[in-house]
Amino acid sequence: ASTEGGMDIEAVAHDTPEKIITLSIDPEAGVTPADVAA
């Protein structure tokens, strides 16, 4: 996920990777309220 969506996402990934976050989901729990909040 990133707040910097649109046509320049590749540039965001290259220049400001800190603006992109990754959240792995526990397959047993699925998407929890904590995941939604994150």
Full PDB file with SEQRES, HELIX, SHEET, SSBOND, CRYST1, ORIGX, SCALE, CONECT and MASTER records, all heavy atoms in Angstrom:
SEQRES   1 A   38  ALA SER THR GLU GLY GLY MET ASP ILE GLU ALA VAL ALA          
SEQRES   2 A   38  HIS ASP THR PRO GLU LYS ILE ILE THR LEU SER ILE ASP          
SEQRES   3 A   38  PRO GLU ALA GLY VAL THR PRO ALA ASP VAL ALA ALA              
HELIX    1 AA1 ILE A    9  ASP A   15  1                                   7    
HELIX    2 AA2 PRO A   17  LYS A   19  5                                   3    
HELIX    3 AA3 PRO A   33  ALA A   37  1                                   5    
CRYST1    1.000    1.000    1.000  90.00  90.00  90.00 P 1           1          
ORIGX1      1.000000  0.000000  0.000000        0.00000                         
ORIGX2      0.000000  1.000000  0.000000        0.00000                         
ORIGX3      0.000000  0.000000  1.000000        0.00000                         
SCALE1      1.000000  0.000000  0.000000        0.00000                         
SCALE2      0.000000  1.000000  0.000000        0.00000                         
SCALE3      0.000000  0.000000  1.000000        0.00000                         
ATOM      1  N   ALA A   1       0.831  -1.206   0.000  1.00  0.00           N  
ATOM      2  CA  ALA A   1       0.000   0.000   0.000  1.00  0.00           C  
ATOM      3  C   ALA A   1       0.867   1.259   0.000  1.00  0.00           C  
ATOM      4  O   ALA A   1       1.972   1.284   0.551  1.00  0.00           O  
ATOM      5  CB  ALA A   1      -0.911   0.006   1.231  1.00  0.00           C  
ATOM      6  N   SER A   2       0.315   2.311  -0.636  1.00  0.00           N  
ATOM      7  CA  SER A   2       0.997   3.595  -0.652  1.00  0.00           C  
ATOM      8  C   SER A   2      -0.023   4.704  -0.861  1.00  0.00           C  
ATOM      9  O   SER A   2      -1.026   4.520  -1.564  1.00  0.00           O  
ATOM     10  CB  SER A   2       2.045   3.647  -1.770  1.00  0.00           C  
ATOM     11  OG  SER A   2       2.646   4.933  -1.839  1.00  0.00           O  
ATOM     12  N   THR A   3       0.251   5.838  -0.263  1.00  0.00           N  
ATOM     13  CA  THR A   3      -0.593   7.020  -0.495  1.00  0.00           C  
ATOM     14  C   THR A   3      -0.284   7.664  -1.840  1.00  0.00           C  
ATOM     15  O   THR A   3      -1.005   8.551  -2.286  1.00  0.00           O  
ATOM     16  CB  THR A   3      -0.366   8.072   0.607  1.00  0.00           C  
ATOM     17  OG1 THR A   3       1.037   8.379   0.666  1.00  0.00           O  
ATOM     18  CG2 THR A   3      -0.838   7.551   1.957  1.00  0.00           C  
ATOM     19  N   GLU A   4       0.788   7.216  -2.492  1.00  0.00           N  
ATOM     20  CA  GLU A   4       1.247   7.843  -3.739  1.00  0.00           C  
ATOM     21  C   GLU A   4       0.812   7.022  -4.948  1.00  0.00           C  
ATOM     22  O   GLU A   4       1.628   6.544  -5.729  1.00  0.00           O  
ATOM     23  CB  GLU A   4       2.770   8.000  -3.723  1.00  0.00           C  
ATOM     24  CG  GLU A   4       3.326   8.649  -2.478  1.00  0.00           C  
ATOM     25  CD  GLU A   4       2.780  10.052  -2.263  1.00  0.00           C  
ATOM     26  OE1 GLU A   4       2.827  10.856  -3.219  1.00  0.00           O  
ATOM     27  OE2 GLU A   4       2.306  10.343  -1.150  1.00  0.00           O  
ATOM     28  N   GLY A   5      -0.482   6.825  -5.129  1.00  0.00           N  
ATOM     29  CA  GLY A   5      -0.973   6.059  -6.261  1.00  0.00           C  
ATOM     30  C   GLY A   5      -0.975   6.862  -7.542  1.00  0.00           C  
ATOM     31  O   GLY A   5      -0.697   8.063  -7.560  1.00  0.00           O  
ATOM     32  N   GLY A   6      -1.288   6.182  -8.658  1.00  0.00           N  
ATOM     33  CA  GLY A   6      -1.365   6.861  -9.941  1.00  0.00           C  
ATOM     34  C   GLY A   6      -0.289   6.414 -10.901  1.00  0.00           C  
ATOM     35  O   GLY A   6       0.373   5.392 -10.707  1.00  0.00           O  
ATOM     36  N   MET A   7      -0.080   7.213 -11.938  1.00  0.00           N  
ATOM     37  CA  MET A   7       0.781   6.803 -13.039  1.00  0.00           C  
ATOM     38  C   MET A   7       2.260   6.762 -12.684  1.00  0.00           C  
ATOM     39  O   MET A   7       3.056   6.179 -13.410  1.00  0.00           O  
ATOM     40  CB  MET A   7       0.574   7.734 -14.240  1.00  0.00           C  
ATOM     41  CG  MET A   7      -0.795   7.603 -14.884  1.00  0.00           C  
ATOM     42  SD  MET A   7      -0.882   8.373 -16.520  1.00  0.00           S  
ATOM     43  CE  MET A   7      -0.638  10.107 -16.099  1.00  0.00           C  
ATOM     44  N   ASP A   8       2.672   7.384 -11.578  1.00  0.00           N  
ATOM     45  CA  ASP A   8       4.095   7.470 -11.253  1.00  0.00           C  
ATOM     46  C   ASP A   8       4.514   6.527 -10.129  1.00  0.00           C  
ATOM     47  O   ASP A   8       5.510   6.759  -9.455  1.00  0.00           O  
ATOM     48  CB  ASP A   8       4.456   8.908 -10.872  1.00  0.00           C  
ATOM     49  CG  ASP A   8       4.292   9.867 -12.035  1.00  0.00           C  
ATOM     50  OD1 ASP A   8       4.659   9.488 -13.159  1.00  0.00           O  
ATOM     51  OD2 ASP A   8       3.790  10.985 -11.819  1.00  0.00           O  
ATOM     52  N   ILE A   9       3.763   5.418  -9.938  1.00  0.00           N  
ATOM     53  CA  ILE A   9       4.073   4.522  -8.819  1.00  0.00           C  
ATOM     54  C   ILE A   9       5.464   3.894  -8.964  1.00  0.00           C  
ATOM     55  O   ILE A   9       6.150   3.652  -7.971  1.00  0.00           O  
ATOM     56  CB  ILE A   9       2.986   3.430  -8.669  1.00  0.00           C  
ATOM     57  CG1 ILE A   9       3.202   2.618  -7.384  1.00  0.00           C  
ATOM     58  CG2 ILE A   9       2.941   2.535  -9.897  1.00  0.00           C  
ATOM     59  CD1 ILE A   9       3.107   3.417  -6.109  1.00  0.00           C  
ATOM     60  N   GLU A  10       5.913   3.649 -10.211  1.00  0.00           N  
ATOM     61  CA  GLU A  10       7.254   3.080 -10.396  1.00  0.00           C  
ATOM     62  C   GLU A  10       8.321   4.046  -9.886  1.00  0.00           C  
ATOM     63  O   GLU A  10       9.298   3.632  -9.271  1.00  0.00           O  
ATOM     64  CB  GLU A  10       7.503   2.743 -11.875  1.00  0.00           C  
ATOM     65  CG  GLU A  10       6.713   1.558 -12.390  1.00  0.00           C  
ATOM     66  CD  GLU A  10       5.320   1.935 -12.849  1.00  0.00           C  
ATOM     67  OE1 GLU A  10       4.955   3.141 -12.754  1.00  0.00           O  
ATOM     68  OE2 GLU A  10       4.570   1.039 -13.282  1.00  0.00           O  
ATOM     69  N   ALA A  11       8.114   5.344 -10.148  1.00  0.00           N  
ATOM     70  CA  ALA A  11       9.070   6.344  -9.667  1.00  0.00           C  
ATOM     71  C   ALA A  11       9.052   6.414  -8.147  1.00  0.00           C  
ATOM     72  O   ALA A  11      10.101   6.599  -7.511  1.00  0.00           O  
ATOM     73  CB  ALA A  11       8.755   7.711 -10.273  1.00  0.00           C  
ATOM     74  N   VAL A  12       7.879   6.263  -7.550  1.00  0.00           N  
ATOM     75  CA  VAL A  12       7.771   6.257  -6.085  1.00  0.00           C  
ATOM     76  C   VAL A  12       8.563   5.092  -5.518  1.00  0.00           C  
ATOM     77  O   VAL A  12       9.326   5.241  -4.552  1.00  0.00           O  
ATOM     78  CB  VAL A  12       6.293   6.167  -5.650  1.00  0.00           C  
ATOM     79  CG1 VAL A  12       6.201   6.009  -4.130  1.00  0.00           C  
ATOM     80  CG2 VAL A  12       5.529   7.407  -6.093  1.00  0.00           C  
ATOM     81  N   ALA A  13       8.405   3.914  -6.117  1.00  0.00           N  
ATOM     82  CA  ALA A  13       9.114   2.728  -5.632  1.00  0.00           C  
ATOM     83  C   ALA A  13      10.622   2.908  -5.727  1.00  0.00           C  
ATOM     84  O   ALA A  13      11.376   2.437  -4.867  1.00  0.00           O  
ATOM     85  CB  ALA A  13       8.673   1.504  -6.426  1.00  0.00           C  
ATOM     86  N   HIS A  14      11.062   3.618  -6.774  1.00  0.00           N  
ATOM     87  CA  HIS A  14      12.500   3.804  -6.980  1.00  0.00           C  
ATOM     88  C   HIS A  14      13.066   4.923  -6.108  1.00  0.00           C  
ATOM     89  O   HIS A  14      14.127   4.770  -5.482  1.00  0.00           O  
ATOM     90  CB  HIS A  14      12.768   4.116  -8.454  1.00  0.00           C  
ATOM     91  CG  HIS A  14      14.217   4.285  -8.781  1.00  0.00           C  
ATOM     92  ND1 HIS A  14      14.864   5.511  -8.735  1.00  0.00           N  
ATOM     93  CD2 HIS A  14      15.162   3.384  -9.142  1.00  0.00           C  
ATOM     94  CE1 HIS A  14      16.123   5.357  -9.051  1.00  0.00           C  
ATOM     95  NE2 HIS A  14      16.344   4.076  -9.319  1.00  0.00           N  
ATOM     96  N   ASP A  15      12.357   6.041  -6.046  1.00  0.00           N  
ATOM     97  CA  ASP A  15      12.913   7.235  -5.403  1.00  0.00           C  
ATOM     98  C   ASP A  15      12.587   7.336  -3.917  1.00  0.00           C  
ATOM     99  O   ASP A  15      13.410   7.825  -3.133  1.00  0.00           O  
ATOM    100  CB  ASP A  15      12.408   8.493  -6.118  1.00  0.00           C  
ATOM    101  CG  ASP A  15      12.824   8.540  -7.585  1.00  0.00           C  
ATOM    102  OD1 ASP A  15      13.865   7.941  -7.916  1.00  0.00           O  
ATOM    103  OD2 ASP A  15      12.096   9.165  -8.384  1.00  0.00           O  
ATOM    104  N   THR A  16      11.377   6.919  -3.542  1.00  0.00           N  
ATOM    105  CA  THR A  16      10.957   7.046  -2.140  1.00  0.00           C  
ATOM    106  C   THR A  16      10.302   5.750  -1.664  1.00  0.00           C  
ATOM    107  O   THR A  16       9.098   5.716  -1.368  1.00  0.00           O  
ATOM    108  CB  THR A  16       9.977   8.226  -1.970  1.00  0.00           C  
ATOM    109  OG1 THR A  16       8.900   8.081  -2.916  1.00  0.00           O  
ATOM    110  CG2 THR A  16      10.672   9.556  -2.184  1.00  0.00           C  
ATOM    111  N   PRO A  17      11.066   4.665  -1.588  1.00  0.00           N  
ATOM    112  CA  PRO A  17      10.481   3.372  -1.211  1.00  0.00           C  
ATOM    113  C   PRO A  17       9.865   3.370   0.185  1.00  0.00           C  
ATOM    114  O   PRO A  17       9.017   2.527   0.486  1.00  0.00           O  
ATOM    115  CB  PRO A  17      11.677   2.407  -1.296  1.00  0.00           C  
ATOM    116  CG  PRO A  17      12.886   3.274  -1.189  1.00  0.00           C  
ATOM    117  CD  PRO A  17      12.506   4.556  -1.844  1.00  0.00           C  
ATOM    118  N   GLU A  18      10.263   4.330   1.024  1.00  0.00           N  
ATOM    119  CA  GLU A  18       9.697   4.390   2.377  1.00  0.00           C  
ATOM    120  C   GLU A  18       8.206   4.745   2.353  1.00  0.00           C  
ATOM    121  O   GLU A  18       7.494   4.547   3.352  1.00  0.00           O  
ATOM    122  CB  GLU A  18      10.467   5.399   3.231  1.00  0.00           C  
ATOM    123  CG  GLU A  18      10.302   6.865   2.826  1.00  0.00           C  
ATOM    124  CD  GLU A  18      11.225   7.309   1.702  1.00  0.00           C  
ATOM    125  OE1 GLU A  18      11.959   6.443   1.164  1.00  0.00           O  
ATOM    126  OE2 GLU A  18      11.215   8.506   1.363  1.00  0.00           O  
ATOM    127  N   LYS A  19       7.727   5.234   1.211  1.00  0.00           N  
ATOM    128  CA  LYS A  19       6.307   5.580   1.096  1.00  0.00           C  
ATOM    129  C   LYS A  19       5.442   4.375   0.727  1.00  0.00           C  
ATOM    130  O   LYS A  19       4.238   4.517   0.545  1.00  0.00           O  
ATOM    131  CB  LYS A  19       6.120   6.691   0.059  1.00  0.00           C  
ATOM    132  CG  LYS A  19       6.715   8.026   0.490  1.00  0.00           C  
ATOM    133  CD  LYS A  19       6.424   9.117  -0.525  1.00  0.00           C  
ATOM    134  CE  LYS A  19       6.981  10.460  -0.051  1.00  0.00           C  
ATOM    135  NZ  LYS A  19       6.709  11.554  -1.020  1.00  0.00           N  
ATOM    136  N   ILE A  20       6.069   3.215   0.592  1.00  0.00           N  
ATOM    137  CA  ILE A  20       5.342   1.988   0.268  1.00  0.00           C  
ATOM    138  C   ILE A  20       5.482   1.022   1.436  1.00  0.00           C  
ATOM    139  O   ILE A  20       6.593   0.731   1.880  1.00  0.00           O  
ATOM    140  CB  ILE A  20       5.895   1.349  -1.015  1.00  0.00           C  
ATOM    141  CG1 ILE A  20       5.727   2.308  -2.191  1.00  0.00           C  
ATOM    142  CG2 ILE A  20       5.187   0.019  -1.309  1.00  0.00           C  
ATOM    143  CD1 ILE A  20       6.326   1.812  -3.491  1.00  0.00           C  
ATOM    144  N   ILE A  21       4.358   0.539   1.960  1.00  0.00           N  
ATOM    145  CA  ILE A  21       4.416  -0.383   3.096  1.00  0.00           C  
ATOM    146  C   ILE A  21       3.885  -1.751   2.659  1.00  0.00           C  
ATOM    147  O   ILE A  21       3.045  -1.858   1.761  1.00  0.00           O  
ATOM    148  CB  ILE A  21       3.623   0.140   4.309  1.00  0.00           C  
ATOM    149  CG1 ILE A  21       2.112   0.091   4.041  1.00  0.00           C  
ATOM    150  CG2 ILE A  21       4.068   1.530   4.685  1.00  0.00           C  
ATOM    151  CD1 ILE A  21       1.415  -1.012   4.775  1.00  0.00           C  
ATOM    152  N   THR A  22       4.411  -2.790   3.284  1.00  0.00           N  
ATOM    153  CA  THR A  22       3.985  -4.169   3.001  1.00  0.00           C  
ATOM    154  C   THR A  22       3.446  -4.780   4.283  1.00  0.00           C  
ATOM    155  O   THR A  22       4.079  -4.683   5.349  1.00  0.00           O  
ATOM    156  CB  THR A  22       5.167  -5.003   2.478  1.00  0.00           C  
ATOM    157  OG1 THR A  22       5.671  -4.401   1.280  1.00  0.00           O  
ATOM    158  CG2 THR A  22       4.727  -6.429   2.169  1.00  0.00           C  
ATOM    159  N   LEU A  23       2.281  -5.414   4.184  1.00  0.00           N  
ATOM    160  CA  LEU A  23       1.648  -6.031   5.345  1.00  0.00           C  
ATOM    161  C   LEU A  23       1.292  -7.472   5.009  1.00  0.00           C  
ATOM    162  O   LEU A  23       0.405  -7.730   4.192  1.00  0.00           O  
ATOM    163  CB  LEU A  23       0.385  -5.255   5.738  1.00  0.00           C  
ATOM    164  CG  LEU A  23      -0.427  -5.831   6.903  1.00  0.00           C  
ATOM    165  CD1 LEU A  23       0.357  -5.701   8.213  1.00  0.00           C  
ATOM    166  CD2 LEU A  23      -1.780  -5.143   7.015  1.00  0.00           C  
ATOM    167  N   SER A  24       2.005  -8.435   5.601  1.00  0.00           N  
ATOM    168  CA  SER A  24       1.709  -9.848   5.386  1.00  0.00           C  
ATOM    169  C   SER A  24       0.528 -10.275   6.245  1.00  0.00           C  
ATOM    170  O   SER A  24       0.390  -9.833   7.393  1.00  0.00           O  
ATOM    171  CB  SER A  24       2.931 -10.713   5.717  1.00  0.00           C  
ATOM    172  OG  SER A  24       3.953 -10.513   4.758  1.00  0.00           O  
ATOM    173  N   ILE A  25      -0.306 -11.160   5.688  1.00  0.00           N  
ATOM    174  CA  ILE A  25      -1.521 -11.600   6.366  1.00  0.00           C  
ATOM    175  C   ILE A  25      -1.359 -13.043   6.851  1.00  0.00           C  
ATOM    176  O   ILE A  25      -0.947 -13.924   6.089  1.00  0.00           O  
ATOM    177  CB  ILE A  25      -2.741 -11.513   5.423  1.00  0.00           C  
ATOM    178  CG1 ILE A  25      -2.896 -10.076   4.894  1.00  0.00           C  
ATOM    179  CG2 ILE A  25      -4.000 -11.976   6.127  1.00  0.00           C  
ATOM    180  CD1 ILE A  25      -3.114  -9.030   5.956  1.00  0.00           C  
ATOM    181  N   ASP A  26      -1.686 -13.268   8.109  1.00  0.00           N  
ATOM    182  CA  ASP A  26      -1.658 -14.613   8.674  1.00  0.00           C  
ATOM    183  C   ASP A  26      -2.763 -15.434   8.014  1.00  0.00           C  
ATOM    184  O   ASP A  26      -3.946 -15.094   8.126  1.00  0.00           O  
ATOM    185  CB  ASP A  26      -1.888 -14.527  10.189  1.00  0.00           C  
ATOM    186  CG  ASP A  26      -1.799 -15.887  10.872  1.00  0.00           C  
ATOM    187  OD1 ASP A  26      -1.934 -16.922  10.182  1.00  0.00           O  
ATOM    188  OD2 ASP A  26      -1.624 -15.910  12.107  1.00  0.00           O  
ATOM    189  N   PRO A  27      -2.424 -16.524   7.326  1.00  0.00           N  
ATOM    190  CA  PRO A  27      -3.463 -17.278   6.608  1.00  0.00           C  
ATOM    191  C   PRO A  27      -4.502 -17.919   7.525  1.00  0.00           C  
ATOM    192  O   PRO A  27      -5.632 -18.169   7.099  1.00  0.00           O  
ATOM    193  CB  PRO A  27      -2.664 -18.342   5.847  1.00  0.00           C  
ATOM    194  CG  PRO A  27      -1.366 -18.450   6.585  1.00  0.00           C  
ATOM    195  CD  PRO A  27      -1.092 -17.096   7.129  1.00  0.00           C  
ATOM    196  N   GLU A  28      -4.137 -18.181   8.768  1.00  0.00           N  
ATOM    197  CA  GLU A  28      -5.105 -18.780   9.698  1.00  0.00           C  
ATOM    198  C   GLU A  28      -6.093 -17.743  10.212  1.00  0.00           C  
ATOM    199  O   GLU A  28      -7.275 -18.032  10.402  1.00  0.00           O  
ATOM    200  CB  GLU A  28      -4.378 -19.435  10.871  1.00  0.00           C  
ATOM    201  CG  GLU A  28      -3.589 -20.676  10.482  1.00  0.00           C  
ATOM    202  CD  GLU A  28      -3.026 -21.396  11.693  1.00  0.00           C  
ATOM    203  OE1 GLU A  28      -3.142 -20.850  12.823  1.00  0.00           O  
ATOM    204  OE2 GLU A  28      -2.470 -22.488  11.528  1.00  0.00           O  
ATOM    205  N   ALA A  29      -5.627 -16.528  10.408  1.00  0.00           N  
ATOM    206  CA  ALA A  29      -6.490 -15.478  10.966  1.00  0.00           C  
ATOM    207  C   ALA A  29      -7.212 -14.686   9.885  1.00  0.00           C  
ATOM    208  O   ALA A  29      -8.295 -14.133  10.126  1.00  0.00           O  
ATOM    209  CB  ALA A  29      -5.665 -14.536  11.841  1.00  0.00           C  
ATOM    210  N   GLY A  30      -6.612 -14.616   8.674  1.00  0.00           N  
ATOM    211  CA  GLY A  30      -7.171 -13.760   7.641  1.00  0.00           C  
ATOM    212  C   GLY A  30      -6.914 -12.298   7.973  1.00  0.00           C  
ATOM    213  O   GLY A  30      -6.057 -11.963   8.804  1.00  0.00           O  
ATOM    214  N   VAL A  31      -7.657 -11.412   7.341  1.00  0.00           N  
ATOM    215  CA  VAL A  31      -7.494  -9.969   7.580  1.00  0.00           C  
ATOM    216  C   VAL A  31      -8.214  -9.616   8.880  1.00  0.00           C  
ATOM    217  O   VAL A  31      -9.439  -9.652   8.961  1.00  0.00           O  
ATOM    218  CB  VAL A  31      -8.047  -9.141   6.409  1.00  0.00           C  
ATOM    219  CG1 VAL A  31      -7.918  -7.650   6.707  1.00  0.00           C  
ATOM    220  CG2 VAL A  31      -7.313  -9.492   5.115  1.00  0.00           C  
ATOM    221  N   THR A  32      -7.441  -9.277   9.892  1.00  0.00           N  
ATOM    222  CA  THR A  32      -7.977  -8.972  11.219  1.00  0.00           C  
ATOM    223  C   THR A  32      -8.305  -7.478  11.342  1.00  0.00           C  
ATOM    224  O   THR A  32      -7.859  -6.670  10.512  1.00  0.00           O  
ATOM    225  CB  THR A  32      -6.957  -9.346  12.295  1.00  0.00           C  
ATOM    226  OG1 THR A  32      -5.798  -8.501  12.137  1.00  0.00           O  
ATOM    227  CG2 THR A  32      -6.532 -10.812  12.182  1.00  0.00           C  
ATOM    228  N   PRO A  33      -9.064  -7.077  12.371  1.00  0.00           N  
ATOM    229  CA  PRO A  33      -9.282  -5.646  12.601  1.00  0.00           C  
ATOM    230  C   PRO A  33      -7.983  -4.865  12.732  1.00  0.00           C  
ATOM    231  O   PRO A  33      -7.904  -3.708  12.294  1.00  0.00           O  
ATOM    232  CB  PRO A  33     -10.087  -5.636  13.904  1.00  0.00           C  
ATOM    233  CG  PRO A  33     -10.838  -6.938  13.884  1.00  0.00           C  
ATOM    234  CD  PRO A  33      -9.886  -7.919  13.269  1.00  0.00           C  
ATOM    235  N   ALA A  34      -6.959  -5.505  13.319  1.00  0.00           N  
ATOM    236  CA  ALA A  34      -5.661  -4.836  13.432  1.00  0.00           C  
ATOM    237  C   ALA A  34      -5.045  -4.600  12.058  1.00  0.00           C  
ATOM    238  O   ALA A  34      -4.422  -3.548  11.812  1.00  0.00           O  
ATOM    239  CB  ALA A  34      -4.717  -5.666  14.296  1.00  0.00           C  
ATOM    240  N   ASP A  35      -5.213  -5.569  11.146  1.00  0.00           N  
ATOM    241  CA  ASP A  35      -4.705  -5.398   9.781  1.00  0.00           C  
ATOM    242  C   ASP A  35      -5.443  -4.261   9.074  1.00  0.00           C  
ATOM    243  O   ASP A  35      -4.835  -3.451   8.369  1.00  0.00           O  
ATOM    244  CB  ASP A  35      -4.877  -6.695   8.981  1.00  0.00           C  
ATOM    245  CG  ASP A  35      -4.017  -7.834   9.506  1.00  0.00           C  
ATOM    246  OD1 ASP A  35      -2.924  -7.563  10.026  1.00  0.00           O  
ATOM    247  OD2 ASP A  35      -4.456  -9.002   9.394  1.00  0.00           O  
ATOM    248  N   VAL A  36      -6.758  -4.216   9.240  1.00  0.00           N  
ATOM    249  CA  VAL A  36      -7.557  -3.144   8.637  1.00  0.00           C  
ATOM    250  C   VAL A  36      -7.089  -1.793   9.157  1.00  0.00           C  
ATOM    251  O   VAL A  36      -6.911  -0.839   8.381  1.00  0.00           O  
ATOM    252  CB  VAL A  36      -9.056  -3.352   8.918  1.00  0.00           C  
ATOM    253  CG1 VAL A  36      -9.852  -2.118   8.481  1.00  0.00           C  
ATOM    254  CG2 VAL A  36      -9.570  -4.593   8.216  1.00  0.00           C  
ATOM    255  N   ALA A  37      -6.874  -1.715  10.464  1.00  0.00           N  
ATOM    256  CA  ALA A  37      -6.420  -0.455  11.069  1.00  0.00           C  
ATOM    257  C   ALA A  37      -5.060  -0.049  10.510  1.00  0.00           C  
ATOM    258  O   ALA A  37      -4.813   1.139  10.234  1.00  0.00           O  
ATOM    259  CB  ALA A  37      -6.356  -0.591  12.580  1.00  0.00           C  
ATOM    260  N   ALA A  38      -4.176  -1.039  10.317  1.00  0.00           N  
ATOM    261  CA  ALA A  38      -2.845  -0.746   9.779  1.00  0.00           C  
ATOM    262  C   ALA A  38      -2.930  -0.229   8.344  1.00  0.00           C  
ATOM    263  O   ALA A  38      -2.216   0.713   7.963  1.00  0.00           O  
ATOM    264  CB  ALA A  38      -1.974  -2.000   9.840  1.00  0.00           C  
TER     265      ALA A  38                                                      
MASTER        0    0    0    3    0    0    0    6  264    1    0    3          
END                                                                             
